[in-house]
Amino acid sequence: MEKNPYKFSPSNSRLVLGNERPSMVTYGTAAIFLGSVYFYNRRFFRIDGNAVNMLAFTVASMPASYAYASYIWSSPVIEAAIINNERENKH
């Protein structure tokens, strides 16, 4: 049987301690977002100049950038602990 990767709070045994996202997720999100907007600008916006498409791409690329960065620089154990604590704090 595998060892439990979580450390639980002594006051509430359902809360997980020490489950912060790595700072690389934030920096990676910013890098992926800025890179994708830059490349979209070079590839499409300079040619057609359609501001609505540029705005739609910019809005849609932020959650996608976060998802990619979270997948690359975080771990499923950390994400599961964060989701668990969010659900526990709602009650």
PDB file of N, CA and C in Angstrom:
ATOM      1  N   MET A   1       0.838  -1.168   0.000  1.00  0.00           N
ATOM      2  CA  MET A   1       0.000   0.000   0.000  1.00  0.00           C
ATOM      3  C   MET A   1       0.891   1.242   0.000  1.00  0.00           C
ATOM      4  N   GLU A   2       0.483   2.255  -0.777  1.00  0.00           N
ATOM      5  CA  GLU A   2       1.285   3.465  -0.895  1.00  0.00           C
ATOM      6  C   GLU A   2       1.126   4.366   0.321  1.00  0.00           C
ATOM      7  N   LYS A   3       2.171   5.112   0.588  1.00  0.00           N
ATOM      8  CA  LYS A   3       2.140   6.047   1.695  1.00  0.00           C
ATOM      9  C   LYS A   3       1.265   7.250   1.322  1.00  0.00           C
ATOM     10  N   ASN A   4       0.517   7.771   2.270  1.00  0.00           N
ATOM     11  CA  ASN A   4      -0.354   8.915   2.035  1.00  0.00           C
ATOM     12  C   ASN A   4       0.503  10.159   1.795  1.00  0.00           C
ATOM     13  N   PRO A   5       0.325  10.873   0.644  1.00  0.00           N
ATOM     14  CA  PRO A   5       1.167  12.032   0.348  1.00  0.00           C
ATOM     15  C   PRO A   5       0.714  13.317   1.046  1.00  0.00           C
ATOM     16  N   TYR A   6      -0.359  13.264   1.806  1.00  0.00           N
ATOM     17  CA  TYR A   6      -0.921  14.470   2.403  1.00  0.00           C
ATOM     18  C   TYR A   6      -0.638  14.553   3.895  1.00  0.00           C
ATOM     19  N   LYS A   7      -0.536  15.792   4.380  1.00  0.00           N
ATOM     20  CA  LYS A   7      -0.437  16.053   5.815  1.00  0.00           C
ATOM     21  C   LYS A   7      -1.699  16.818   6.193  1.00  0.00           C
ATOM     22  N   PHE A   8      -2.459  16.285   7.148  1.00  0.00           N
ATOM     23  CA  PHE A   8      -3.753  16.854   7.489  1.00  0.00           C
ATOM     24  C   PHE A   8      -3.658  17.780   8.693  1.00  0.00           C
ATOM     25  N   SER A   9      -4.594  18.704   8.761  1.00  0.00           N
ATOM     26  CA  SER A   9      -4.657  19.666   9.859  1.00  0.00           C
ATOM     27  C   SER A   9      -5.057  18.963  11.154  1.00  0.00           C
ATOM     28  N   PRO A  10      -4.437  19.330  12.280  1.00  0.00           N
ATOM     29  CA  PRO A  10      -4.828  18.702  13.552  1.00  0.00           C
ATOM     30  C   PRO A  10      -6.218  19.141  14.019  1.00  0.00           C
ATOM     31  N   SER A  11      -6.633  20.365  13.667  1.00  0.00           N
ATOM     32  CA  SER A  11      -7.937  20.850  14.115  1.00  0.00           C
ATOM     33  C   SER A  11      -9.084  20.317  13.256  1.00  0.00           C
ATOM     34  N   ASN A  12      -8.844  20.129  11.948  1.00  0.00           N
ATOM     35  CA  ASN A  12      -9.853  19.595  11.042  1.00  0.00           C
ATOM     36  C   ASN A  12      -9.177  18.514  10.206  1.00  0.00           C
ATOM     37  N   SER A  13      -9.503  17.297  10.462  1.00  0.00           N
ATOM     38  CA  SER A  13      -8.801  16.188   9.806  1.00  0.00           C
ATOM     39  C   SER A  13      -9.110  16.058   8.317  1.00  0.00           C
ATOM     40  N   ARG A  14     -10.015  16.875   7.797  1.00  0.00           N
ATOM     41  CA  ARG A  14     -10.321  16.818   6.370  1.00  0.00           C
ATOM     42  C   ARG A  14      -9.592  17.887   5.563  1.00  0.00           C
ATOM     43  N   LEU A  15      -8.907  18.834   6.215  1.00  0.00           N
ATOM     44  CA  LEU A  15      -8.145  19.867   5.514  1.00  0.00           C
ATOM     45  C   LEU A  15      -6.699  19.423   5.341  1.00  0.00           C
ATOM     46  N   VAL A  16      -6.173  19.659   4.155  1.00  0.00           N
ATOM     47  CA  VAL A  16      -4.800  19.284   3.834  1.00  0.00           C
ATOM     48  C   VAL A  16      -3.900  20.500   4.040  1.00  0.00           C
ATOM     49  N   LEU A  17      -2.759  20.279   4.675  1.00  0.00           N
ATOM     50  CA  LEU A  17      -1.795  21.353   4.915  1.00  0.00           C
ATOM     51  C   LEU A  17      -0.696  21.322   3.860  1.00  0.00           C
ATOM     52  N   GLY A  18      -0.101  22.495   3.583  1.00  0.00           N
ATOM     53  CA  GLY A  18       1.054  22.576   2.686  1.00  0.00           C
ATOM     54  C   GLY A  18       0.741  22.239   1.255  1.00  0.00           C
ATOM     55  N   ASN A  19      -0.260  22.859   0.700  1.00  0.00           N
ATOM     56  CA  ASN A  19      -0.688  22.509  -0.654  1.00  0.00           C
ATOM     57  C   ASN A  19      -0.724  23.731  -1.567  1.00  0.00           C
ATOM     58  N   GLU A  20       0.289  24.569  -1.530  1.00  0.00           N
ATOM     59  CA  GLU A  20       0.322  25.737  -2.397  1.00  0.00           C
ATOM     60  C   GLU A  20       0.783  25.335  -3.792  1.00  0.00           C
ATOM     61  N   ARG A  21       0.220  26.022  -4.794  1.00  0.00           N
ATOM     62  CA  ARG A  21       0.669  25.793  -6.160  1.00  0.00           C
ATOM     63  C   ARG A  21       2.085  26.343  -6.305  1.00  0.00           C
ATOM     64  N   PRO A  22       2.913  25.681  -7.076  1.00  0.00           N
ATOM     65  CA  PRO A  22       4.251  26.221  -7.319  1.00  0.00           C
ATOM     66  C   PRO A  22       4.163  27.564  -8.049  1.00  0.00           C
ATOM     67  N   SER A  23       5.096  28.455  -7.785  1.00  0.00           N
ATOM     68  CA  SER A  23       5.074  29.765  -8.435  1.00  0.00           C
ATOM     69  C   SER A  23       5.334  29.651  -9.929  1.00  0.00           C
ATOM     70  N   MET A  24       5.915  28.556 -10.357  1.00  0.00           N
ATOM     71  CA  MET A  24       6.148  28.362 -11.790  1.00  0.00           C
ATOM     72  C   MET A  24       4.855  28.285 -12.574  1.00  0.00           C
ATOM     73  N   VAL A  25       3.756  27.897 -11.926  1.00  0.00           N
ATOM     74  CA  VAL A  25       2.467  27.861 -12.628  1.00  0.00           C
ATOM     75  C   VAL A  25       2.067  29.269 -13.041  1.00  0.00           C
ATOM     76  N   THR A  26       2.246  30.237 -12.149  1.00  0.00           N
ATOM     77  CA  THR A  26       1.894  31.626 -12.462  1.00  0.00           C
ATOM     78  C   THR A  26       2.797  32.179 -13.554  1.00  0.00           C
ATOM     79  N   TYR A  27       4.096  31.981 -13.408  1.00  0.00           N
ATOM     80  CA  TYR A  27       5.039  32.483 -14.411  1.00  0.00           C
ATOM     81  C   TYR A  27       4.852  31.773 -15.749  1.00  0.00           C
ATOM     82  N   GLY A  28       4.600  30.490 -15.707  1.00  0.00           N
ATOM     83  CA  GLY A  28       4.359  29.743 -16.932  1.00  0.00           C
ATOM     84  C   GLY A  28       3.087  30.184 -17.633  1.00  0.00           C
ATOM     85  N   THR A  29       2.037  30.467 -16.848  1.00  0.00           N
ATOM     86  CA  THR A  29       0.793  30.970 -17.432  1.00  0.00           C
ATOM     87  C   THR A  29       1.038  32.281 -18.148  1.00  0.00           C
ATOM     88  N   ALA A  30       1.757  33.179 -17.500  1.00  0.00           N
ATOM     89  CA  ALA A  30       2.049  34.470 -18.114  1.00  0.00           C
ATOM     90  C   ALA A  30       2.868  34.306 -19.388  1.00  0.00           C
ATOM     91  N   ALA A  31       3.871  33.438 -19.356  1.00  0.00           N
ATOM     92  CA  ALA A  31       4.710  33.241 -20.535  1.00  0.00           C
ATOM     93  C   ALA A  31       3.928  32.630 -21.693  1.00  0.00           C
ATOM     94  N   ILE A  32       3.129  31.623 -21.406  1.00  0.00           N
ATOM     95  CA  ILE A  32       2.341  30.983 -22.464  1.00  0.00           C
ATOM     96  C   ILE A  32       1.311  31.959 -23.024  1.00  0.00           C
ATOM     97  N   PHE A  33       0.658  32.723 -22.145  1.00  0.00           N
ATOM     98  CA  PHE A  33      -0.347  33.689 -22.590  1.00  0.00           C
ATOM     99  C   PHE A  33       0.282  34.765 -23.474  1.00  0.00           C
ATOM    100  N   LEU A  34       1.362  35.372 -22.996  1.00  0.00           N
ATOM    101  CA  LEU A  34       1.997  36.434 -23.777  1.00  0.00           C
ATOM    102  C   LEU A  34       2.563  35.906 -25.090  1.00  0.00           C
ATOM    103  N   GLY A  35       3.114  34.713 -25.064  1.00  0.00           N
ATOM    104  CA  GLY A  35       3.618  34.118 -26.291  1.00  0.00           C
ATOM    105  C   GLY A  35       2.516  33.829 -27.297  1.00  0.00           C
ATOM    106  N   SER A  36       1.402  33.306 -26.820  1.00  0.00           N
ATOM    107  CA  SER A  36       0.313  32.987 -27.748  1.00  0.00           C
ATOM    108  C   SER A  36      -0.303  34.249 -28.346  1.00  0.00           C
ATOM    109  N   VAL A  37      -0.460  35.300 -27.530  1.00  0.00           N
ATOM    110  CA  VAL A  37      -1.000  36.559 -28.066  1.00  0.00           C
ATOM    111  C   VAL A  37      -0.013  37.179 -29.054  1.00  0.00           C
ATOM    112  N   TYR A  38       1.268  37.112 -28.746  1.00  0.00           N
ATOM    113  CA  TYR A  38       2.293  37.637 -29.652  1.00  0.00           C
ATOM    114  C   TYR A  38       2.257  36.915 -30.992  1.00  0.00           C
ATOM    115  N   PHE A  39       2.214  35.576 -30.957  1.00  0.00           N
ATOM    116  CA  PHE A  39       2.198  34.815 -32.198  1.00  0.00           C
ATOM    117  C   PHE A  39       0.881  34.984 -32.957  1.00  0.00           C
ATOM    118  N   TYR A  40      -0.227  35.137 -32.237  1.00  0.00           N
ATOM    119  CA  TYR A  40      -1.495  35.411 -32.922  1.00  0.00           C
ATOM    120  C   TYR A  40      -1.415  36.755 -33.639  1.00  0.00           C
ATOM    121  N   ASN A  41      -0.826  37.733 -32.966  1.00  0.00           N
ATOM    122  CA  ASN A  41      -0.685  39.062 -33.566  1.00  0.00           C
ATOM    123  C   ASN A  41       0.172  38.987 -34.825  1.00  0.00           C
ATOM    124  N   ARG A  42       1.261  38.245 -34.764  1.00  0.00           N
ATOM    125  CA  ARG A  42       2.145  38.146 -35.935  1.00  0.00           C
ATOM    126  C   ARG A  42       1.511  37.357 -37.065  1.00  0.00           C
ATOM    127  N   ARG A  43       0.776  36.314 -36.721  1.00  0.00           N
ATOM    128  CA  ARG A  43       0.263  35.416 -37.759  1.00  0.00           C
ATOM    129  C   ARG A  43      -1.052  35.895 -38.372  1.00  0.00           C
ATOM    130  N   PHE A  44      -1.976  36.409 -37.542  1.00  0.00           N
ATOM    131  CA  PHE A  44      -3.314  36.712 -38.036  1.00  0.00           C
ATOM    132  C   PHE A  44      -3.688  38.190 -37.959  1.00  0.00           C
ATOM    133  N   PHE A  45      -3.471  38.825 -36.827  1.00  0.00           N
ATOM    134  CA  PHE A  45      -3.989  40.181 -36.627  1.00  0.00           C
ATOM    135  C   PHE A  45      -3.317  41.188 -37.551  1.00  0.00           C
ATOM    136  N   ARG A  46      -2.036  41.017 -37.826  1.00  0.00           N
ATOM    137  CA  ARG A  46      -1.373  41.950 -38.737  1.00  0.00           C
ATOM    138  C   ARG A  46      -1.928  41.840 -40.143  1.00  0.00           C
ATOM    139  N   ILE A  47      -2.420  40.679 -40.505  1.00  0.00           N
ATOM    140  CA  ILE A  47      -2.909  40.463 -41.863  1.00  0.00           C
ATOM    141  C   ILE A  47      -4.333  40.963 -42.030  1.00  0.00           C
ATOM    142  N   ASP A  48      -5.258  40.529 -41.148  1.00  0.00           N
ATOM    143  CA  ASP A  48      -6.658  40.901 -41.338  1.00  0.00           C
ATOM    144  C   ASP A  48      -7.100  42.087 -40.496  1.00  0.00           C
ATOM    145  N   GLY A  49      -6.442  42.379 -39.400  1.00  0.00           N
ATOM    146  CA  GLY A  49      -6.787  43.538 -38.573  1.00  0.00           C
ATOM    147  C   GLY A  49      -8.148  43.445 -37.900  1.00  0.00           C
ATOM    148  N   ASN A  50      -8.665  42.237 -37.713  1.00  0.00           N
ATOM    149  CA  ASN A  50      -9.979  42.052 -37.111  1.00  0.00           C
ATOM    150  C   ASN A  50      -9.843  42.084 -35.586  1.00  0.00           C
ATOM    151  N   ALA A  51     -10.263  43.190 -34.994  1.00  0.00           N
ATOM    152  CA  ALA A  51     -10.105  43.381 -33.552  1.00  0.00           C
ATOM    153  C   ALA A  51     -11.014  42.457 -32.743  1.00  0.00           C
ATOM    154  N   VAL A  52     -12.168  42.089 -33.265  1.00  0.00           N
ATOM    155  CA  VAL A  52     -13.085  41.202 -32.552  1.00  0.00           C
ATOM    156  C   VAL A  52     -12.456  39.817 -32.397  1.00  0.00           C
ATOM    157  N   ASN A  53     -11.855  39.315 -33.462  1.00  0.00           N
ATOM    158  CA  ASN A  53     -11.182  38.019 -33.367  1.00  0.00           C
ATOM    159  C   ASN A  53      -9.993  38.080 -32.414  1.00  0.00           C
ATOM    160  N   MET A  54      -9.266  39.186 -32.444  1.00  0.00           N
ATOM    161  CA  MET A  54      -8.127  39.341 -31.530  1.00  0.00           C
ATOM    162  C   MET A  54      -8.600  39.354 -30.079  1.00  0.00           C
ATOM    163  N   LEU A  55      -9.684  40.059 -29.804  1.00  0.00           N
ATOM    164  CA  LEU A  55     -10.227  40.109 -28.451  1.00  0.00           C
ATOM    165  C   LEU A  55     -10.734  38.735 -28.020  1.00  0.00           C
ATOM    166  N   ALA A  56     -11.421  38.037 -28.903  1.00  0.00           N
ATOM    167  CA  ALA A  56     -11.932  36.702 -28.586  1.00  0.00           C
ATOM    168  C   ALA A  56     -10.782  35.731 -28.317  1.00  0.00           C
ATOM    169  N   PHE A  57      -9.737  35.806 -29.121  1.00  0.00           N
ATOM    170  CA  PHE A  57      -8.591  34.933 -28.901  1.00  0.00           C
ATOM    171  C   PHE A  57      -7.910  35.247 -27.572  1.00  0.00           C
ATOM    172  N   THR A  58      -7.765  36.525 -27.262  1.00  0.00           N
ATOM    173  CA  THR A  58      -7.114  36.925 -26.018  1.00  0.00           C
ATOM    174  C   THR A  58      -7.901  36.433 -24.805  1.00  0.00           C
ATOM    175  N   VAL A  59      -9.218  36.565 -24.844  1.00  0.00           N
ATOM    176  CA  VAL A  59     -10.060  36.118 -23.728  1.00  0.00           C
ATOM    177  C   VAL A  59     -10.010  34.593 -23.600  1.00  0.00           C
ATOM    178  N   ALA A  60     -10.039  33.898 -24.707  1.00  0.00           N
ATOM    179  CA  ALA A  60     -10.060  32.433 -24.661  1.00  0.00           C
ATOM    180  C   ALA A  60      -8.686  31.835 -24.334  1.00  0.00           C
ATOM    181  N   SER A  61      -7.615  32.564 -24.603  1.00  0.00           N
ATOM    182  CA  SER A  61      -6.299  31.981 -24.383  1.00  0.00           C
ATOM    183  C   SER A  61      -5.851  32.033 -22.922  1.00  0.00           C
ATOM    184  N   MET A  62      -6.452  32.882 -22.101  1.00  0.00           N
ATOM    185  CA  MET A  62      -6.040  32.940 -20.690  1.00  0.00           C
ATOM    186  C   MET A  62      -6.362  31.633 -19.941  1.00  0.00           C
ATOM    187  N   PRO A  63      -7.591  31.118 -19.981  1.00  0.00           N
ATOM    188  CA  PRO A  63      -7.820  29.840 -19.282  1.00  0.00           C
ATOM    189  C   PRO A  63      -7.039  28.679 -19.900  1.00  0.00           C
ATOM    190  N   ALA A  64      -6.850  28.714 -21.212  1.00  0.00           N
ATOM    191  CA  ALA A  64      -6.069  27.654 -21.847  1.00  0.00           C
ATOM    192  C   ALA A  64      -4.615  27.720 -21.406  1.00  0.00           C
ATOM    193  N   SER A  65      -4.064  28.912 -21.288  1.00  0.00           N
ATOM    194  CA  SER A  65      -2.685  29.068 -20.822  1.00  0.00           C
ATOM    195  C   SER A  65      -2.538  28.563 -19.399  1.00  0.00           C
ATOM    196  N   TYR A  66      -3.509  28.864 -18.555  1.00  0.00           N
ATOM    197  CA  TYR A  66      -3.464  28.388 -17.176  1.00  0.00           C
ATOM    198  C   TYR A  66      -3.554  26.863 -17.117  1.00  0.00           C
ATOM    199  N   ALA A  67      -4.401  26.284 -17.949  1.00  0.00           N
ATOM    200  CA  ALA A  67      -4.544  24.827 -17.959  1.00  0.00           C
ATOM    201  C   ALA A  67      -3.242  24.148 -18.396  1.00  0.00           C
ATOM    202  N   TYR A  68      -2.605  24.669 -19.432  1.00  0.00           N
ATOM    203  CA  TYR A  68      -1.337  24.094 -19.878  1.00  0.00           C
ATOM    204  C   TYR A  68      -0.251  24.245 -18.815  1.00  0.00           C
ATOM    205  N   ALA A  69      -0.152  25.435 -18.217  1.00  0.00           N
ATOM    206  CA  ALA A  69       0.880  25.662 -17.204  1.00  0.00           C
ATOM    207  C   ALA A  69       0.641  24.793 -15.973  1.00  0.00           C
ATOM    208  N   SER A  70      -0.602  24.649 -15.580  1.00  0.00           N
ATOM    209  CA  SER A  70      -0.926  23.811 -14.429  1.00  0.00           C
ATOM    210  C   SER A  70      -0.601  22.350 -14.721  1.00  0.00           C
ATOM    211  N   TYR A  71      -0.830  21.913 -15.935  1.00  0.00           N
ATOM    212  CA  TYR A  71      -0.530  20.536 -16.314  1.00  0.00           C
ATOM    213  C   TYR A  71       0.979  20.283 -16.328  1.00  0.00           C
ATOM    214  N   ILE A  72       1.741  21.270 -16.792  1.00  0.00           N
ATOM    215  CA  ILE A  72       3.184  21.091 -16.935  1.00  0.00           C
ATOM    216  C   ILE A  72       3.909  21.243 -15.603  1.00  0.00           C
ATOM    217  N   TRP A  73       3.599  22.305 -14.825  1.00  0.00           N
ATOM    218  CA  TRP A  73       4.413  22.652 -13.671  1.00  0.00           C
ATOM    219  C   TRP A  73       3.791  22.308 -12.318  1.00  0.00           C
ATOM    220  N   SER A  74       2.630  21.743 -12.290  1.00  0.00           N
ATOM    221  CA  SER A  74       2.032  21.335 -11.015  1.00  0.00           C
ATOM    222  C   SER A  74       1.875  19.817 -11.023  1.00  0.00           C
ATOM    223  N   SER A  75       1.411  19.288  -9.907  1.00  0.00           N
ATOM    224  CA  SER A  75       1.217  17.836  -9.851  1.00  0.00           C
ATOM    225  C   SER A  75      -0.240  17.535  -9.507  1.00  0.00           C
ATOM    226  N   PRO A  76      -0.718  16.376  -9.875  1.00  0.00           N
ATOM    227  CA  PRO A  76      -2.091  16.011  -9.541  1.00  0.00           C
ATOM    228  C   PRO A  76      -2.342  15.938  -8.041  1.00  0.00           C
ATOM    229  N   VAL A  77      -1.317  15.613  -7.257  1.00  0.00           N
ATOM    230  CA  VAL A  77      -1.466  15.537  -5.809  1.00  0.00           C
ATOM    231  C   VAL A  77      -1.772  16.923  -5.238  1.00  0.00           C
ATOM    232  N   ILE A  78      -1.051  17.934  -5.705  1.00  0.00           N
ATOM    233  CA  ILE A  78      -1.285  19.304  -5.236  1.00  0.00           C
ATOM    234  C   ILE A  78      -2.659  19.792  -5.674  1.00  0.00           C
ATOM    235  N   GLU A  79      -3.008  19.550  -6.919  1.00  0.00           N
ATOM    236  CA  GLU A  79      -4.308  19.997  -7.428  1.00  0.00           C
ATOM    237  C   GLU A  79      -5.456  19.326  -6.672  1.00  0.00           C
ATOM    238  N   ALA A  80      -5.316  18.050  -6.370  1.00  0.00           N
ATOM    239  CA  ALA A  80      -6.364  17.349  -5.622  1.00  0.00           C
ATOM    240  C   ALA A  80      -6.504  17.919  -4.216  1.00  0.00           C
ATOM    241  N   ALA A  81      -5.390  18.260  -3.585  1.00  0.00           N
ATOM    242  CA  ALA A  81      -5.447  18.851  -2.247  1.00  0.00           C
ATOM    243  C   ALA A  81      -6.106  20.222  -2.272  1.00  0.00           C
ATOM    244  N   ILE A  82      -5.812  21.020  -3.288  1.00  0.00           N
ATOM    245  CA  ILE A  82      -6.420  22.352  -3.406  1.00  0.00           C
ATOM    246  C   ILE A  82      -7.924  22.233  -3.629  1.00  0.00           C
ATOM    247  N   ILE A  83      -8.337  21.334  -4.500  1.00  0.00           N
ATOM    248  CA  ILE A  83      -9.768  21.126  -4.743  1.00  0.00           C
ATOM    249  C   ILE A  83     -10.456  20.629  -3.478  1.00  0.00           C
ATOM    250  N   ASN A  84      -9.822  19.724  -2.755  1.00  0.00           N
ATOM    251  CA  ASN A  84     -10.380  19.217  -1.513  1.00  0.00           C
ATOM    252  C   ASN A  84     -10.589  20.352  -0.516  1.00  0.00           C
ATOM    253  N   ASN A  85      -9.599  21.208  -0.334  1.00  0.00           N
ATOM    254  CA  ASN A  85      -9.723  22.311   0.617  1.00  0.00           C
ATOM    255  C   ASN A  85     -10.781  23.325   0.192  1.00  0.00           C
ATOM    256  N   GLU A  86     -10.901  23.580  -1.108  1.00  0.00           N
ATOM    257  CA  GLU A  86     -11.954  24.491  -1.583  1.00  0.00           C
ATOM    258  C   GLU A  86     -13.336  23.926  -1.273  1.00  0.00           C
ATOM    259  N   ARG A  87     -13.523  22.645  -1.521  1.00  0.00           N
ATOM    260  CA  ARG A  87     -14.815  22.017  -1.223  1.00  0.00           C
ATOM    261  C   ARG A  87     -15.087  21.990   0.271  1.00  0.00           C
ATOM    262  N   GLU A  88     -14.063  21.767   1.055  1.00  0.00           N
ATOM    263  CA  GLU A  88     -14.239  21.710   2.514  1.00  0.00           C
ATOM    264  C   GLU A  88     -14.551  23.094   3.094  1.00  0.00           C
ATOM    265  N   ASN A  89     -13.975  24.132   2.524  1.00  0.00           N
ATOM    266  CA  ASN A  89     -14.212  25.487   3.016  1.00  0.00           C
ATOM    267  C   ASN A  89     -15.583  26.034   2.624  1.00  0.00           C
ATOM    268  N   LYS A  90     -16.228  25.443   1.629  1.00  0.00           N
ATOM    269  CA  LYS A  90     -17.591  25.861   1.244  1.00  0.00           C
ATOM    270  C   LYS A  90     -18.611  25.494   2.313  1.00  0.00           C
ATOM    271  N   HIS A  91     -18.370  24.435   3.017  1.00  0.00           N
ATOM    272  CA  HIS A  91     -19.348  23.941   3.995  1.00  0.00           C
ATOM    273  C   HIS A  91     -19.229  24.680   5.250  1.00  0.00           C
TER     274      HIS A  91
END
